[in-house]
Each structure stands twice: as C-alpha cells, then as structure tokens.
C-alpha cells in the first residue's frame, strides 16, 4: 500500500535553497537529485509536475529517473503527458481536474498504467471512480499559500468522501507532519505534498514517520 506522494516543483526547490540565481539546467539537476533522494528514502509515488518544462527536457528527465538504480519500488508519474510517460518508462500519468477526460486516456492506455486525477469535491471523485481512475488527489484539505482563493475542504469532508468511495484518496493541500495523522485517521490512503517533501532535511526519516502513522490507524 502507498502512503507518501511527492509532487515536484523545481522552481520552488530553487526558492527553498535560496542560494542565488539558477539557470534552467541547474534547476533540472537539482530536481533530478531530489527525486533520486526521494526514491532512496522509500517514497511511494513521485509525480513530475514540471508543466513549463520543454518536451525534450521532460522526456530526458523522466527517462533518466525511470531507469535510475535508486528507484526500486517507487512509482514515477508524469503530469498530463501520457506520451512521455509511456515512451520513457514511467508507471503512470496524473491529470489535473481540467485536463482531458480520464476515460479517454484509459481507453488509450488500457489497465497497464496508473491514472490519477486531481479532485476538489465529491462530484469530481465520483466521476473519477466512474472513469476507472487508479487513485485521486483530493484537496485542498487545509489552507495553502499555493491556492489562496480556494476554500479548504476540511477533515469532515475528507472523511465523508473516503468512506463513500472505494478508491485510494490522497490528502493534498497544507499537509504537514503534524496534521498528517488526522488525514490518515479520516481515511486517506496517504498524503500528497510539494513542500513537505522538498523542504525535508531527512527524507528517509519523514517517509518512515508517514508509514508509521498509516500503520497505526
């Protein structure tokens, strides 16, 4: 069972490092090293969410990460670009809520790929289940600076949705190590985040703590 879901952002990674100007090559190298560190730490899912990355660079990044020895049992997902995922060795594709219908992509890929979708309400989760999604990212659960205009769903809504739908649901939005146990107790299959994983000083310890939280529910 999967518990930890890391969503990448190389621009934010550079800002977190706060060590001067970085060219695009340096940002990609920083991201590659961080994802490999996440693999080594035992993270379950890594979603490459670099929407502004040129297709050639994205394909090279995904191919390198898919074949690296650190990857082991982690699953590598690509944001929207199912062609890149399929040709470069990734296990799946993640779709934003306003992307192409998941049902169309499922017809293209069959059951061989993990297909996930971002959802923000119960109706969207119902549609994801009907379209044979592999999992759902649900959020924002808590306030987050990256979605300043979005109203948090809260733990009660997370619990109600998790109880209703037989699909792995990952809590997203404002997640930290302190509120992660509440999300797991509410029924979430795991937690998804950018900052939590990119800012962690010890990814191995963080992943162990998340797995311990999930195992204790």
C-alpha atoms as a PDB file:
ATOM      1  CA  UNK A   1       0.000   0.000   0.000  1.00  0.00           C
ATOM      2  CA  UNK A   2       1.200   3.506  -0.820  1.00  0.00           C
ATOM      3  CA  UNK A   3       1.321   6.280   1.764  1.00  0.00           C
ATOM      4  CA  UNK A   4       3.626   9.063   0.508  1.00  0.00           C
ATOM      5  CA  UNK A   5       3.110  11.072  -2.677  1.00  0.00           C
ATOM      6  CA  UNK A   6       5.681  13.705  -3.676  1.00  0.00           C
ATOM      7  CA  UNK A   7       4.722  16.334  -6.273  1.00  0.00           C
ATOM      8  CA  UNK A   8       7.707  18.082  -7.798  1.00  0.00           C
ATOM      9  CA  UNK A   9       8.310  21.783  -8.397  1.00  0.00           C
ATOM     10  CA  UNK A  10      11.828  22.683  -9.487  1.00  0.00           C
ATOM     11  CA  UNK A  11      11.094  26.421  -9.276  1.00  0.00           C
ATOM     12  CA  UNK A  12      10.042  26.102  -5.659  1.00  0.00           C
ATOM     13  CA  UNK A  13      13.020  23.860  -4.968  1.00  0.00           C
ATOM     14  CA  UNK A  14      15.328  26.643  -6.110  1.00  0.00           C
ATOM     15  CA  UNK A  15      13.476  29.164  -3.938  1.00  0.00           C
ATOM     16  CA  UNK A  16      13.769  26.849  -0.930  1.00  0.00           C
ATOM     17  CA  UNK A  17      17.528  26.606  -1.454  1.00  0.00           C
ATOM     18  CA  UNK A  18      17.777  30.424  -1.511  1.00  0.00           C
ATOM     19  CA  UNK A  19      21.322  30.312  -2.828  1.00  0.00           C
ATOM     20  CA  UNK A  20      21.342  32.743  -5.715  1.00  0.00           C
ATOM     21  CA  UNK A  21      20.434  32.565  -9.384  1.00  0.00           C
ATOM     22  CA  UNK A  22      19.952  29.176 -11.039  1.00  0.00           C
ATOM     23  CA  UNK A  23      19.861  28.504 -14.753  1.00  0.00           C
ATOM     24  CA  UNK A  24      17.390  26.031 -16.216  1.00  0.00           C
ATOM     25  CA  UNK A  25      19.992  23.254 -16.388  1.00  0.00           C
ATOM     26  CA  UNK A  26      20.844  23.744 -12.742  1.00  0.00           C
ATOM     27  CA  UNK A  27      17.179  23.579 -11.776  1.00  0.00           C
ATOM     28  CA  UNK A  28      16.720  20.309 -13.638  1.00  0.00           C
ATOM     29  CA  UNK A  29      19.826  18.879 -11.997  1.00  0.00           C
ATOM     30  CA  UNK A  30      18.596  19.936  -8.551  1.00  0.00           C
ATOM     31  CA  UNK A  31      15.245  18.313  -9.235  1.00  0.00           C
ATOM     32  CA  UNK A  32      16.812  15.107 -10.521  1.00  0.00           C
ATOM     33  CA  UNK A  33      18.916  14.770  -7.381  1.00  0.00           C
ATOM     34  CA  UNK A  34      15.942  15.472  -5.115  1.00  0.00           C
ATOM     35  CA  UNK A  35      13.784  12.852  -6.813  1.00  0.00           C
ATOM     36  CA  UNK A  36      16.562  10.288  -6.569  1.00  0.00           C
ATOM     37  CA  UNK A  37      16.881  11.108  -2.870  1.00  0.00           C
ATOM     38  CA  UNK A  38      13.116  10.576  -2.529  1.00  0.00           C
ATOM     39  CA  UNK A  39      13.419   7.202  -4.254  1.00  0.00           C
ATOM     40  CA  UNK A  40      16.230   6.216  -1.898  1.00  0.00           C
ATOM     41  CA  UNK A  41      14.104   7.280   1.077  1.00  0.00           C
ATOM     42  CA  UNK A  42      11.362   4.871   0.022  1.00  0.00           C
ATOM     43  CA  UNK A  43       8.741   7.327  -1.159  1.00  0.00           C
ATOM     44  CA  UNK A  44       5.795   5.604  -2.835  1.00  0.00           C
ATOM     45  CA  UNK A  45       4.828   7.989  -5.644  1.00  0.00           C
ATOM     46  CA  UNK A  46       6.685  10.810  -7.376  1.00  0.00           C
ATOM     47  CA  UNK A  47       4.672  12.999  -9.742  1.00  0.00           C
ATOM     48  CA  UNK A  48       6.787  15.025 -12.166  1.00  0.00           C
ATOM     49  CA  UNK A  49       4.692  18.179 -12.354  1.00  0.00           C
ATOM     50  CA  UNK A  50       7.003  20.396 -14.403  1.00  0.00           C
ATOM     51  CA  UNK A  51       4.340  21.858 -16.666  1.00  0.00           C
ATOM     52  CA  UNK A  52       6.618  24.542 -18.148  1.00  0.00           C
ATOM     53  CA  UNK A  53       9.471  22.162 -18.989  1.00  0.00           C
ATOM     54  CA  UNK A  54      10.113  21.677 -22.735  1.00  0.00           C
ATOM     55  CA  UNK A  55       9.044  18.265 -24.013  1.00  0.00           C
ATOM     56  CA  UNK A  56      12.581  17.174 -24.888  1.00  0.00           C
ATOM     57  CA  UNK A  57      13.881  18.069 -21.442  1.00  0.00           C
ATOM     58  CA  UNK A  58      10.891  16.442 -19.743  1.00  0.00           C
ATOM     59  CA  UNK A  59      11.385  13.217 -21.695  1.00  0.00           C
ATOM     60  CA  UNK A  60      15.071  13.150 -20.819  1.00  0.00           C
ATOM     61  CA  UNK A  61      14.336  13.733 -17.140  1.00  0.00           C
ATOM     62  CA  UNK A  62      11.652  11.041 -16.961  1.00  0.00           C
ATOM     63  CA  UNK A  63      13.756   8.507 -18.848  1.00  0.00           C
ATOM     64  CA  UNK A  64      16.721   9.134 -16.552  1.00  0.00           C
ATOM     65  CA  UNK A  65      14.625   8.808 -13.395  1.00  0.00           C
ATOM     66  CA  UNK A  66      12.715   5.753 -14.622  1.00  0.00           C
ATOM     67  CA  UNK A  67      15.957   3.871 -15.157  1.00  0.00           C
ATOM     68  CA  UNK A  68      17.960   5.036 -12.149  1.00  0.00           C
ATOM     69  CA  UNK A  69      19.039   2.403  -9.578  1.00  0.00           C
ATOM     70  CA  UNK A  70      17.606   4.426  -6.676  1.00  0.00           C
ATOM     71  CA  UNK A  71      14.049   3.998  -7.922  1.00  0.00           C
ATOM     72  CA  UNK A  72      13.416   0.432  -6.722  1.00  0.00           C
ATOM     73  CA  UNK A  73       9.728   0.106  -5.714  1.00  0.00           C
ATOM     74  CA  UNK A  74       8.719   3.761  -6.135  1.00  0.00           C
ATOM     75  CA  UNK A  75       6.253   4.664  -8.874  1.00  0.00           C
ATOM     76  CA  UNK A  76       7.039   7.501 -11.249  1.00  0.00           C
ATOM     77  CA  UNK A  77       4.147   9.542 -12.655  1.00  0.00           C
ATOM     78  CA  UNK A  78       4.119  12.301 -15.269  1.00  0.00           C
ATOM     79  CA  UNK A  79       1.744  15.246 -15.183  1.00  0.00           C
ATOM     80  CA  UNK A  80      -0.661  15.038 -18.176  1.00  0.00           C
ATOM     81  CA  UNK A  81       1.917  13.900 -20.769  1.00  0.00           C
ATOM     82  CA  UNK A  82       0.887  10.266 -21.226  1.00  0.00           C
ATOM     83  CA  UNK A  83       3.031  10.070 -24.366  1.00  0.00           C
ATOM     84  CA  UNK A  84       6.137  10.929 -22.349  1.00  0.00           C
ATOM     85  CA  UNK A  85       5.141   8.545 -19.575  1.00  0.00           C
ATOM     86  CA  UNK A  86       4.533   5.653 -21.976  1.00  0.00           C
ATOM     87  CA  UNK A  87       7.685   6.158 -24.038  1.00  0.00           C
ATOM     88  CA  UNK A  88      10.096   6.950 -21.212  1.00  0.00           C
ATOM     89  CA  UNK A  89       9.317   4.219 -18.694  1.00  0.00           C
ATOM     90  CA  UNK A  90       7.064   5.920 -16.148  1.00  0.00           C
ATOM     91  CA  UNK A  91       4.339   3.888 -14.444  1.00  0.00           C
ATOM     92  CA  UNK A  92       1.558   6.393 -14.752  1.00  0.00           C
ATOM     93  CA  UNK A  93       0.023   9.748 -15.562  1.00  0.00           C
ATOM     94  CA  UNK A  94      -1.642  12.321 -13.334  1.00  0.00           C
ATOM     95  CA  UNK A  95      -4.360  14.572 -14.742  1.00  0.00           C
ATOM     96  CA  UNK A  96      -5.420  17.975 -13.387  1.00  0.00           C
ATOM     97  CA  UNK A  97      -9.154  18.374 -12.875  1.00  0.00           C
ATOM     98  CA  UNK A  98      -9.476  20.478 -16.061  1.00  0.00           C
ATOM     99  CA  UNK A  99      -7.486  18.105 -18.283  1.00  0.00           C
ATOM    100  CA  UNK A 100      -8.714  15.672 -20.930  1.00  0.00           C
ATOM    101  CA  UNK A 101     -11.340  13.185 -19.694  1.00  0.00           C
ATOM    102  CA  UNK A 102      -9.675  10.352 -17.845  1.00  0.00           C
ATOM    103  CA  UNK A 103     -11.974   7.852 -19.555  1.00  0.00           C
ATOM    104  CA  UNK A 104     -10.452   8.758 -22.945  1.00  0.00           C
ATOM    105  CA  UNK A 105      -6.939   8.266 -21.639  1.00  0.00           C
ATOM    106  CA  UNK A 106      -7.909   4.954 -20.047  1.00  0.00           C
ATOM    107  CA  UNK A 107      -9.064   3.738 -23.454  1.00  0.00           C
ATOM    108  CA  UNK A 108      -5.645   4.646 -24.848  1.00  0.00           C
ATOM    109  CA  UNK A 109      -3.581   3.023 -22.107  1.00  0.00           C
ATOM    110  CA  UNK A 110      -5.783   0.131 -21.009  1.00  0.00           C
ATOM    111  CA  UNK A 111      -5.137  -1.087 -17.481  1.00  0.00           C
ATOM    112  CA  UNK A 112      -1.356  -1.029 -17.784  1.00  0.00           C
ATOM    113  CA  UNK A 113      -0.856   2.499 -16.434  1.00  0.00           C
ATOM    114  CA  UNK A 114      -1.672   4.122 -13.126  1.00  0.00           C
ATOM    115  CA  UNK A 115      -4.013   7.019 -13.930  1.00  0.00           C
ATOM    116  CA  UNK A 116      -4.757   9.570 -11.252  1.00  0.00           C
ATOM    117  CA  UNK A 117      -6.766  12.765 -11.206  1.00  0.00           C
ATOM    118  CA  UNK A 118      -6.996  15.872  -9.050  1.00  0.00           C
ATOM    119  CA  UNK A 119     -10.394  16.395  -7.431  1.00  0.00           C
ATOM    120  CA  UNK A 120     -11.815  19.214  -5.346  1.00  0.00           C
ATOM    121  CA  UNK A 121     -15.264  17.935  -4.419  1.00  0.00           C
ATOM    122  CA  UNK A 122     -17.345  14.793  -4.002  1.00  0.00           C
ATOM    123  CA  UNK A 123     -18.804  15.027  -7.509  1.00  0.00           C
ATOM    124  CA  UNK A 124     -15.373  15.038  -9.124  1.00  0.00           C
ATOM    125  CA  UNK A 125     -14.339  11.995  -7.093  1.00  0.00           C
ATOM    126  CA  UNK A 126     -17.487  10.187  -8.241  1.00  0.00           C
ATOM    127  CA  UNK A 127     -16.573  10.957 -11.858  1.00  0.00           C
ATOM    128  CA  UNK A 128     -13.008   9.742 -11.293  1.00  0.00           C
ATOM    129  CA  UNK A 129     -14.291   6.441  -9.925  1.00  0.00           C
ATOM    130  CA  UNK A 130     -16.665   6.037 -12.873  1.00  0.00           C
ATOM    131  CA  UNK A 131     -13.762   6.712 -15.270  1.00  0.00           C
ATOM    132  CA  UNK A 132     -11.672   3.960 -13.626  1.00  0.00           C
ATOM    133  CA  UNK A 133      -9.063   6.180 -12.037  1.00  0.00           C
ATOM    134  CA  UNK A 134      -6.343   4.369 -10.107  1.00  0.00           C
ATOM    135  CA  UNK A 135      -6.346   6.975  -7.332  1.00  0.00           C
ATOM    136  CA  UNK A 136      -7.434  10.529  -6.518  1.00  0.00           C
ATOM    137  CA  UNK A 137      -5.648  13.568  -5.123  1.00  0.00           C
ATOM    138  CA  UNK A 138      -8.248  15.441  -3.050  1.00  0.00           C
ATOM    139  CA  UNK A 139      -7.736  18.984  -1.882  1.00  0.00           C
ATOM    140  CA  UNK A 140      -7.084  21.425  -0.594  1.00  0.00           C
ATOM    141  CA  UNK A 141      -7.775  19.873   2.787  1.00  0.00           C
ATOM    142  CA  UNK A 142      -6.139  22.732   4.731  1.00  0.00           C
ATOM    143  CA  UNK A 143      -5.304  26.347   3.790  1.00  0.00           C
ATOM    144  CA  UNK A 144      -2.296  26.595   1.493  1.00  0.00           C
ATOM    145  CA  UNK A 145      -0.450  29.628   0.068  1.00  0.00           C
ATOM    146  CA  UNK A 146      -0.455  27.994  -3.371  1.00  0.00           C
ATOM    147  CA  UNK A 147      -4.270  28.108  -3.551  1.00  0.00           C
ATOM    148  CA  UNK A 148      -5.052  31.419  -1.819  1.00  0.00           C
ATOM    149  CA  UNK A 149      -8.585  31.663  -3.224  1.00  0.00           C
ATOM    150  CA  UNK A 150      -9.574  28.058  -2.606  1.00  0.00           C
ATOM    151  CA  UNK A 151     -11.800  27.151   0.343  1.00  0.00           C
ATOM    152  CA  UNK A 152     -10.300  24.209   2.289  1.00  0.00           C
ATOM    153  CA  UNK A 153     -12.463  21.085   2.305  1.00  0.00           C
ATOM    154  CA  UNK A 154     -11.559  20.203   5.879  1.00  0.00           C
ATOM    155  CA  UNK A 155     -11.264  16.860   7.627  1.00  0.00           C
ATOM    156  CA  UNK A 156     -15.006  16.174   7.837  1.00  0.00           C
ATOM    157  CA  UNK A 157     -15.385  16.333   4.053  1.00  0.00           C
ATOM    158  CA  UNK A 158     -12.254  14.211   3.588  1.00  0.00           C
ATOM    159  CA  UNK A 159     -13.667  11.560   5.912  1.00  0.00           C
ATOM    160  CA  UNK A 160     -17.087  11.533   4.230  1.00  0.00           C
ATOM    161  CA  UNK A 161     -15.575  11.166   0.759  1.00  0.00           C
ATOM    162  CA  UNK A 162     -13.126   8.464   1.837  1.00  0.00           C
ATOM    163  CA  UNK A 163     -15.976   6.497   3.407  1.00  0.00           C
ATOM    164  CA  UNK A 164     -18.156   6.760   0.319  1.00  0.00           C
ATOM    165  CA  UNK A 165     -15.726   5.827  -2.456  1.00  0.00           C
ATOM    166  CA  UNK A 166     -13.662   2.610  -2.775  1.00  0.00           C
ATOM    167  CA  UNK A 167     -10.614   4.286  -4.322  1.00  0.00           C
ATOM    168  CA  UNK A 168      -7.275   5.356  -2.808  1.00  0.00           C
ATOM    169  CA  UNK A 169      -7.612   9.025  -1.896  1.00  0.00           C
ATOM    170  CA  UNK A 170      -4.533  11.094  -1.075  1.00  0.00           C
ATOM    171  CA  UNK A 171      -4.986  14.235   1.021  1.00  0.00           C
ATOM    172  CA  UNK A 172      -3.447  17.326  -0.573  1.00  0.00           C
ATOM    173  CA  UNK A 173      -3.129  20.958   0.412  1.00  0.00           C
ATOM    174  CA  UNK A 174      -1.486  22.368   3.519  1.00  0.00           C
ATOM    175  CA  UNK A 175      -0.305  18.934   4.633  1.00  0.00           C
ATOM    176  CA  UNK A 176       2.490  18.736   7.205  1.00  0.00           C
ATOM    177  CA  UNK A 177       3.796  16.109   9.583  1.00  0.00           C
ATOM    178  CA  UNK A 178       1.566  17.456  12.369  1.00  0.00           C
ATOM    179  CA  UNK A 179      -1.785  17.238  10.562  1.00  0.00           C
ATOM    180  CA  UNK A 180      -0.918  14.141   8.518  1.00  0.00           C
ATOM    181  CA  UNK A 181      -2.198  11.786  11.279  1.00  0.00           C
ATOM    182  CA  UNK A 182      -5.602  13.498  11.163  1.00  0.00           C
ATOM    183  CA  UNK A 183      -5.810  12.893   7.403  1.00  0.00           C
ATOM    184  CA  UNK A 184      -4.917   9.221   7.811  1.00  0.00           C
ATOM    185  CA  UNK A 185      -7.461   8.787  10.612  1.00  0.00           C
ATOM    186  CA  UNK A 186     -10.070  10.388   8.341  1.00  0.00           C
ATOM    187  CA  UNK A 187      -9.498   7.575   5.864  1.00  0.00           C
ATOM    188  CA  UNK A 188      -6.935   8.954   3.417  1.00  0.00           C
ATOM    189  CA  UNK A 189      -4.734   6.319   1.784  1.00  0.00           C
ATOM    190  CA  UNK A 190      -1.791   8.663   2.210  1.00  0.00           C
ATOM    191  CA  UNK A 191      -0.645  12.260   1.964  1.00  0.00           C
ATOM    192  CA  UNK A 192       0.474  14.258  -1.055  1.00  0.00           C
ATOM    193  CA  UNK A 193       2.573  17.415  -0.956  1.00  0.00           C
ATOM    194  CA  UNK A 194       5.239  19.553  -2.557  1.00  0.00           C
ATOM    195  CA  UNK A 195       6.781  21.471   0.321  1.00  0.00           C
ATOM    196  CA  UNK A 196       6.636  18.662   2.863  1.00  0.00           C
ATOM    197  CA  UNK A 197       8.968  16.525   0.767  1.00  0.00           C
ATOM    198  CA  UNK A 198      11.068  19.195  -0.920  1.00  0.00           C
ATOM    199  CA  UNK A 199      11.875  21.005   2.318  1.00  0.00           C
ATOM    200  CA  UNK A 200      12.541  17.899   4.406  1.00  0.00           C
ATOM    201  CA  UNK A 201      16.065  17.712   5.777  1.00  0.00           C
ATOM    202  CA  UNK A 202      15.819  13.933   6.202  1.00  0.00           C
ATOM    203  CA  UNK A 203      13.542  12.320   3.646  1.00  0.00           C
ATOM    204  CA  UNK A 204      14.173   8.834   4.979  1.00  0.00           C
ATOM    205  CA  UNK A 205      13.010   9.792   8.467  1.00  0.00           C
ATOM    206  CA  UNK A 206       9.988  11.612   7.037  1.00  0.00           C
ATOM    207  CA  UNK A 207       8.884   8.585   4.996  1.00  0.00           C
ATOM    208  CA  UNK A 208       9.317   6.280   7.991  1.00  0.00           C
ATOM    209  CA  UNK A 209       7.184   8.586  10.126  1.00  0.00           C
ATOM    210  CA  UNK A 210       4.447   8.713   7.494  1.00  0.00           C
ATOM    211  CA  UNK A 211       4.407   4.918   7.180  1.00  0.00           C
ATOM    212  CA  UNK A 212       4.273   4.587  10.977  1.00  0.00           C
ATOM    213  CA  UNK A 213       1.307   6.981  11.113  1.00  0.00           C
ATOM    214  CA  UNK A 214      -0.537   4.996   8.440  1.00  0.00           C
ATOM    215  CA  UNK A 215       0.244   1.641  10.053  1.00  0.00           C
ATOM    216  CA  UNK A 216      -1.088   2.843  13.413  1.00  0.00           C
ATOM    217  CA  UNK A 217      -4.587   3.745  12.187  1.00  0.00           C
END
